[in-house]
PDB file of N, CA and C in Angstrom:
ATOM      1  N   UNK A   1     159.878 -38.748-105.173  1.00  0.00           N
ATOM      2  CA  UNK A   1     159.583 -37.394-106.009  1.00  0.00           C
ATOM      3  C   UNK A   1     158.349 -37.282-107.194  1.00  0.00           C
ATOM      4  N   UNK A   2     159.636 -38.188-108.191  1.00  0.00           N
ATOM      5  CA  UNK A   2     158.891 -38.464-109.217  1.00  0.00           C
ATOM      6  C   UNK A   2     157.618 -39.266-109.008  1.00  0.00           C
ATOM      7  N   UNK A   3     157.682 -40.958-107.671  1.00  0.00           N
ATOM      8  CA  UNK A   3     156.023 -41.514-107.671  1.00  0.00           C
ATOM      9  C   UNK A   3     155.268 -40.731-107.418  1.00  0.00           C
ATOM     10  N   UNK A   4     155.622 -39.201-106.236  1.00  0.00           N
ATOM     11  CA  UNK A   4     154.820 -38.899-105.690  1.00  0.00           C
ATOM     12  C   UNK A   4     154.071 -38.027-106.873  1.00  0.00           C
ATOM     13  N   UNK A   5     154.775 -37.342-107.650  1.00  0.00           N
ATOM     14  CA  UNK A   5     154.079 -36.871-109.686  1.00  0.00           C
ATOM     15  C   UNK A   5     153.071 -38.001-109.944  1.00  0.00           C
ATOM     16  N   UNK A   6     153.571 -39.012-110.292  1.00  0.00           N
ATOM     17  CA  UNK A   6     153.080 -40.117-111.100  1.00  0.00           C
ATOM     18  C   UNK A   6     151.960 -40.077-110.373  1.00  0.00           C
ATOM     19  N   UNK A   7     151.176 -40.297-109.010  1.00  0.00           N
ATOM     20  CA  UNK A   7     150.447 -40.527-108.600  1.00  0.00           C
ATOM     21  C   UNK A   7     149.574 -38.733-108.505  1.00  0.00           C
ATOM     22  N   UNK A   8     150.437 -38.400-108.328  1.00  0.00           N
ATOM     23  CA  UNK A   8     149.080 -37.132-108.284  1.00  0.00           C
ATOM     24  C   UNK A   8     148.518 -36.631-109.354  1.00  0.00           C
ATOM     25  N   UNK A   9     149.295 -37.129-110.738  1.00  0.00           N
ATOM     26  CA  UNK A   9     149.230 -37.280-111.977  1.00  0.00           C
ATOM     27  C   UNK A   9     148.088 -38.112-112.064  1.00  0.00           C
ATOM     28  N   UNK A  10     148.132 -39.406-111.932  1.00  0.00           N
ATOM     29  CA  UNK A  10     147.105 -40.961-112.106  1.00  0.00           C
ATOM     30  C   UNK A  10     145.495 -40.522-110.927  1.00  0.00           C
ATOM     31  N   UNK A  11     145.926 -39.243-110.205  1.00  0.00           N
ATOM     32  CA  UNK A  11     144.547 -39.229-109.189  1.00  0.00           C
ATOM     33  C   UNK A  11     143.726 -38.102-109.696  1.00  0.00           C
ATOM     34  N   UNK A  12     143.895 -36.866-110.505  1.00  0.00           N
ATOM     35  CA  UNK A  12     144.244 -35.867-111.095  1.00  0.00           C
ATOM     36  C   UNK A  12     143.166 -36.358-112.248  1.00  0.00           C
ATOM     37  N   UNK A  13     144.078 -37.465-113.377  1.00  0.00           N
ATOM     38  CA  UNK A  13     143.020 -38.037-114.286  1.00  0.00           C
ATOM     39  C   UNK A  13     141.966 -38.441-114.320  1.00  0.00           C
ATOM     40  N   UNK A  14     142.288 -39.053-113.233  1.00  0.00           N
ATOM     41  CA  UNK A  14     140.794 -40.363-112.956  1.00  0.00           C
ATOM     42  C   UNK A  14     140.116 -39.263-112.771  1.00  0.00           C
ATOM     43  N   UNK A  15     139.997 -39.015-111.683  1.00  0.00           N
ATOM     44  CA  UNK A  15     139.301 -37.626-111.144  1.00  0.00           C
ATOM     45  C   UNK A  15     138.457 -36.557-112.315  1.00  0.00           C
ATOM     46  N   UNK A  16     139.240 -36.092-113.672  1.00  0.00           N
ATOM     47  CA  UNK A  16     139.025 -35.396-114.556  1.00  0.00           C
ATOM     48  C   UNK A  16     138.013 -36.698-115.613  1.00  0.00           C
ATOM     49  N   UNK A  17     138.367 -37.827-115.620  1.00  0.00           N
ATOM     50  CA  UNK A  17     137.909 -38.832-116.619  1.00  0.00           C
ATOM     51  C   UNK A  17     135.945 -39.068-115.509  1.00  0.00           C
ATOM     52  N   UNK A  18     136.620 -39.366-115.202  1.00  0.00           N
ATOM     53  CA  UNK A  18     135.454 -39.880-113.613  1.00  0.00           C
ATOM     54  C   UNK A  18     134.390 -38.548-113.721  1.00  0.00           C
ATOM     55  N   UNK A  19     134.676 -36.654-113.990  1.00  0.00           N
ATOM     56  CA  UNK A  19     133.748 -35.887-114.056  1.00  0.00           C
ATOM     57  C   UNK A  19     132.940 -36.364-115.728  1.00  0.00           C
ATOM     58  N   UNK A  20     134.148 -36.279-116.615  1.00  0.00           N
ATOM     59  CA  UNK A  20     133.803 -36.516-118.252  1.00  0.00           C
ATOM     60  C   UNK A  20     132.511 -37.058-118.580  1.00  0.00           C
ATOM     61  N   UNK A  21     132.970 -38.549-117.441  1.00  0.00           N
ATOM     62  CA  UNK A  21     131.639 -39.761-117.960  1.00  0.00           C
ATOM     63  C   UNK A  21     130.466 -39.477-117.362  1.00  0.00           C
ATOM     64  N   UNK A  22     130.404 -38.646-115.840  1.00  0.00           N
ATOM     65  CA  UNK A  22     128.815 -38.452-115.332  1.00  0.00           C
ATOM     66  C   UNK A  22     128.727 -36.704-116.297  1.00  0.00           C
ATOM     67  N   UNK A  23     129.247 -36.168-116.486  1.00  0.00           N
ATOM     68  CA  UNK A  23     128.721 -34.842-117.417  1.00  0.00           C
ATOM     69  C   UNK A  23     127.978 -35.868-118.638  1.00  0.00           C
ATOM     70  N   UNK A  24     128.250 -37.401-119.237  1.00  0.00           N
ATOM     71  CA  UNK A  24     128.121 -37.538-120.729  1.00  0.00           C
ATOM     72  C   UNK A  24     126.845 -38.644-119.976  1.00  0.00           C
ATOM     73  N   UNK A  25     126.948 -38.904-118.669  1.00  0.00           N
ATOM     74  CA  UNK A  25     125.390 -39.479-118.737  1.00  0.00           C
ATOM     75  C   UNK A  25     124.697 -38.901-118.216  1.00  0.00           C
ATOM     76  N   UNK A  26     125.324 -37.195-117.310  1.00  0.00           N
ATOM     77  CA  UNK A  26     123.829 -36.167-116.698  1.00  0.00           C
ATOM     78  C   UNK A  26     122.872 -35.664-118.617  1.00  0.00           C
ATOM     79  N   UNK A  27     123.942 -35.761-119.702  1.00  0.00           N
ATOM     80  CA  UNK A  27     123.398 -34.946-120.659  1.00  0.00           C
ATOM     81  C   UNK A  27     122.780 -36.079-121.633  1.00  0.00           C
ATOM     82  N   UNK A  28     123.053 -37.117-121.246  1.00  0.00           N
ATOM     83  CA  UNK A  28     122.591 -38.070-122.127  1.00  0.00           C
ATOM     84  C   UNK A  28     121.328 -38.922-121.954  1.00  0.00           C
ATOM     85  N   UNK A  29     120.677 -38.046-120.288  1.00  0.00           N
ATOM     86  CA  UNK A  29     119.647 -38.279-119.282  1.00  0.00           C
ATOM     87  C   UNK A  29     118.837 -37.727-119.523  1.00  0.00           C
ATOM     88  N   UNK A  30     119.352 -35.923-119.749  1.00  0.00           N
ATOM     89  CA  UNK A  30     118.844 -34.833-120.135  1.00  0.00           C
ATOM     90  C   UNK A  30     118.317 -34.506-121.257  1.00  0.00           C
ATOM     91  N   UNK A  31     118.669 -35.811-122.439  1.00  0.00           N
ATOM     92  CA  UNK A  31     118.658 -35.722-123.282  1.00  0.00           C
ATOM     93  C   UNK A  31     117.167 -36.790-123.700  1.00  0.00           C
ATOM     94  N   UNK A  32     117.250 -37.545-122.928  1.00  0.00           N
ATOM     95  CA  UNK A  32     116.165 -39.056-123.088  1.00  0.00           C
ATOM     96  C   UNK A  32     115.133 -38.044-121.994  1.00  0.00           C
ATOM     97  N   UNK A  33     114.781 -37.478-121.164  1.00  0.00           N
ATOM     98  CA  UNK A  33     114.069 -36.931-120.618  1.00  0.00           C
ATOM     99  C   UNK A  33     113.275 -35.555-121.504  1.00  0.00           C
ATOM    100  N   UNK A  34     114.094 -35.113-122.256  1.00  0.00           N
ATOM    101  CA  UNK A  34     113.311 -33.698-123.133  1.00  0.00           C
ATOM    102  C   UNK A  34     112.450 -34.734-124.094  1.00  0.00           C
ATOM    103  N   UNK A  35     113.352 -35.505-124.689  1.00  0.00           N
ATOM    104  CA  UNK A  35     112.600 -36.389-125.627  1.00  0.00           C
ATOM    105  C   UNK A  35     111.069 -37.416-125.612  1.00  0.00           C
ATOM    106  N   UNK A  36     111.289 -37.693-124.160  1.00  0.00           N
ATOM    107  CA  UNK A  36     110.142 -38.241-123.591  1.00  0.00           C
ATOM    108  C   UNK A  36     108.934 -37.516-123.172  1.00  0.00           C
ATOM    109  N   UNK A  37     109.119 -35.784-123.037  1.00  0.00           N
ATOM    110  CA  UNK A  37     108.535 -35.123-122.384  1.00  0.00           C
ATOM    111  C   UNK A  37     108.194 -33.639-123.410  1.00  0.00           C
ATOM    112  N   UNK A  38     108.694 -34.204-124.492  1.00  0.00           N
ATOM    113  CA  UNK A  38     108.690 -32.686-125.739  1.00  0.00           C
ATOM    114  C   UNK A  38     107.511 -32.101-125.951  1.00  0.00           C
ATOM    115  N   UNK A  39     106.880 -33.130-125.368  1.00  0.00           N
ATOM    116  CA  UNK A  39     105.500 -32.417-125.441  1.00  0.00           C
ATOM    117  C   UNK A  39     104.689 -30.650-124.539  1.00  0.00           C
ATOM    118  N   UNK A  40     105.344 -31.060-123.643  1.00  0.00           N
ATOM    119  CA  UNK A  40     105.900 -30.281-122.766  1.00  0.00           C
ATOM    120  C   UNK A  40     106.485 -28.542-123.128  1.00  0.00           C
ATOM    121  N   UNK A  41     107.434 -28.988-123.710  1.00  0.00           N
ATOM    122  CA  UNK A  41     108.529 -27.994-123.808  1.00  0.00           C
ATOM    123  C   UNK A  41     108.202 -27.673-125.798  1.00  0.00           C
ATOM    124  N   UNK A  42     107.416 -27.066-125.908  1.00  0.00           N
ATOM    125  CA  UNK A  42     106.999 -26.692-127.798  1.00  0.00           C
ATOM    126  C   UNK A  42     108.002 -26.088-128.064  1.00  0.00           C
ATOM    127  N   UNK A  43     108.471 -25.808-129.094  1.00  0.00           N
ATOM    128  CA  UNK A  43     109.272 -24.937-129.633  1.00  0.00           C
ATOM    129  C   UNK A  43     108.516 -23.569-130.307  1.00  0.00           C
ATOM    130  N   UNK A  44     109.378 -22.592-129.565  1.00  0.00           N
ATOM    131  CA  UNK A  44     108.700 -21.219-130.321  1.00  0.00           C
ATOM    132  C   UNK A  44     108.113 -21.218-132.000  1.00  0.00           C
ATOM    133  N   UNK A  45     106.181 -20.706-132.840  1.00  0.00           N
ATOM    134  CA  UNK A  45     106.734 -20.528-133.947  1.00  0.00           C
ATOM    135  C   UNK A  45     107.590 -19.266-133.494  1.00  0.00           C
ATOM    136  N   UNK A  46     108.083 -19.169-135.680  1.00  0.00           N
ATOM    137  CA  UNK A  46     108.863 -18.439-136.100  1.00  0.00           C
ATOM    138  C   UNK A  46     107.711 -17.400-135.998  1.00  0.00           C
ATOM    139  N   UNK A  47     108.318 -16.516-136.155  1.00  0.00           N
ATOM    140  CA  UNK A  47     107.417 -15.343-137.009  1.00  0.00           C
ATOM    141  C   UNK A  47     108.117 -14.711-137.833  1.00  0.00           C
ATOM    142  N   UNK A  48     106.802 -14.371-139.359  1.00  0.00           N
ATOM    143  CA  UNK A  48     106.803 -14.169-140.296  1.00  0.00           C
ATOM    144  C   UNK A  48     107.668 -12.085-139.965  1.00  0.00           C
ATOM    145  N   UNK A  49     109.116 -12.260-141.045  1.00  0.00           N
ATOM    146  CA  UNK A  49     109.365 -11.054-141.033  1.00  0.00           C
ATOM    147  C   UNK A  49     108.470 -10.164-141.477  1.00  0.00           C
ATOM    148  N   UNK A  50     108.106  -8.842-140.976  1.00  0.00           N
ATOM    149  CA  UNK A  50     107.082  -7.743-141.771  1.00  0.00           C
ATOM    150  C   UNK A  50     108.428  -6.906-142.343  1.00  0.00           C
ATOM    151  N   UNK A  51     107.843  -6.127-143.481  1.00  0.00           N
ATOM    152  CA  UNK A  51     108.649  -5.473-145.030  1.00  0.00           C
ATOM    153  C   UNK A  51     109.060  -4.323-144.400  1.00  0.00           C
ATOM    154  N   UNK A  52     108.159  -3.657-143.167  1.00  0.00           N
ATOM    155  CA  UNK A  52     108.236  -2.393-142.413  1.00  0.00           C
ATOM    156  C   UNK A  52     109.713  -2.260-141.803  1.00  0.00           C
ATOM    157  N   UNK A  53     109.084  -3.602-140.962  1.00  0.00           N
ATOM    158  CA  UNK A  53     110.475  -3.185-139.877  1.00  0.00           C
ATOM    159  C   UNK A  53     111.382  -3.445-140.360  1.00  0.00           C
ATOM    160  N   UNK A  54     112.201  -4.113-141.537  1.00  0.00           N
ATOM    161  CA  UNK A  54     113.530  -4.259-142.036  1.00  0.00           C
ATOM    162  C   UNK A  54     113.484  -2.413-142.386  1.00  0.00           C
ATOM    163  N   UNK A  55     113.171  -2.040-142.917  1.00  0.00           N
ATOM    164  CA  UNK A  55     113.731  -0.847-143.648  1.00  0.00           C
ATOM    165  C   UNK A  55     113.563   0.035-142.358  1.00  0.00           C
ATOM    166  N   UNK A  56     113.297   0.198-140.943  1.00  0.00           N
ATOM    167  CA  UNK A  56     113.175   0.554-140.182  1.00  0.00           C
ATOM    168  C   UNK A  56     114.327   0.629-139.173  1.00  0.00           C
ATOM    169  N   UNK A  57     114.623  -0.967-139.335  1.00  0.00           N
ATOM    170  CA  UNK A  57     116.610  -1.289-138.580  1.00  0.00           C
ATOM    171  C   UNK A  57     117.223  -0.729-139.421  1.00  0.00           C
ATOM    172  N   UNK A  58     116.988  -0.022-140.790  1.00  0.00           N
ATOM    173  CA  UNK A  58     118.209  -0.668-141.781  1.00  0.00           C
ATOM    174  C   UNK A  58     118.087   1.264-142.043  1.00  0.00           C
ATOM    175  N   UNK A  59     117.491   1.904-141.051  1.00  0.00           N
ATOM    176  CA  UNK A  59     117.636   3.286-141.562  1.00  0.00           C
ATOM    177  C   UNK A  59     117.702   3.926-139.286  1.00  0.00           C
ATOM    178  N   UNK A  60     117.663   2.800-139.217  1.00  0.00           N
ATOM    179  CA  UNK A  60     117.812   4.019-137.863  1.00  0.00           C
ATOM    180  C   UNK A  60     119.662   3.446-137.655  1.00  0.00           C
ATOM    181  N   UNK A  61     120.096   2.392-138.678  1.00  0.00           N
ATOM    182  CA  UNK A  61     121.943   1.666-138.289  1.00  0.00           C
ATOM    183  C   UNK A  61     122.338   2.941-139.246  1.00  0.00           C
ATOM    184  N   UNK A  62     121.484   3.875-140.027  1.00  0.00           N
ATOM    185  CA  UNK A  62     122.114   4.934-140.303  1.00  0.00           C
ATOM    186  C   UNK A  62     122.900   6.118-139.958  1.00  0.00           C
ATOM    187  N   UNK A  63     121.527   5.812-139.705  1.00  0.00           N
ATOM    188  CA  UNK A  63     121.054   7.223-138.515  1.00  0.00           C
ATOM    189  C   UNK A  63     122.170   7.650-137.379  1.00  0.00           C
ATOM    190  N   UNK A  64     122.446   6.152-136.623  1.00  0.00           N
ATOM    191  CA  UNK A  64     123.279   5.936-135.831  1.00  0.00           C
ATOM    192  C   UNK A  64     124.917   5.785-136.557  1.00  0.00           C
ATOM    193  N   UNK A  65     124.921   6.033-137.291  1.00  0.00           N
ATOM    194  CA  UNK A  65     126.495   6.105-137.704  1.00  0.00           C
ATOM    195  C   UNK A  65     126.929   7.629-138.257  1.00  0.00           C
ATOM    196  N   UNK A  66     125.647   8.064-138.639  1.00  0.00           N
ATOM    197  CA  UNK A  66     125.761   9.624-138.903  1.00  0.00           C
ATOM    198  C   UNK A  66     125.625  10.143-137.733  1.00  0.00           C
ATOM    199  N   UNK A  67     125.732  10.398-137.445  1.00  0.00           N
ATOM    200  CA  UNK A  67     125.316  10.547-135.510  1.00  0.00           C
ATOM    201  C   UNK A  67     126.830  10.481-135.056  1.00  0.00           C
ATOM    202  N   UNK A  68     127.300   9.458-135.055  1.00  0.00           N
ATOM    203  CA  UNK A  68     128.597   8.859-134.208  1.00  0.00           C
ATOM    204  C   UNK A  68     129.537   9.864-135.466  1.00  0.00           C
ATOM    205  N   UNK A  69     129.249  10.007-136.700  1.00  0.00           N
ATOM    206  CA  UNK A  69     130.435  10.893-137.421  1.00  0.00           C
ATOM    207  C   UNK A  69     130.211  12.027-136.852  1.00  0.00           C
ATOM    208  N   UNK A  70     129.298  12.162-136.969  1.00  0.00           N
ATOM    209  CA  UNK A  70     128.849  13.906-136.516  1.00  0.00           C
ATOM    210  C   UNK A  70     128.782  14.735-137.314  1.00  0.00           C
ATOM    211  N   UNK A  71     128.098  14.130-137.936  1.00  0.00           N
ATOM    212  CA  UNK A  71     127.136  14.987-139.098  1.00  0.00           C
ATOM    213  C   UNK A  71     125.971  15.410-138.775  1.00  0.00           C
TER     214      UNK A  71
END
């Protein structure tokens, strides 16, 4: 009974270890792929925030809180 449990534990741990090795290999391959072809996957350029937009968000948040409180 103990031997069967140890065998099952060894098979399970080997399976998990093999899966983790495959996962690391796949992530390394994906990283190499995206480094090689990064010109086809450009990062979006950040847009500067508009000053008026920030104030309207604050006003909307204050209005939502007041509506929630019932004022």
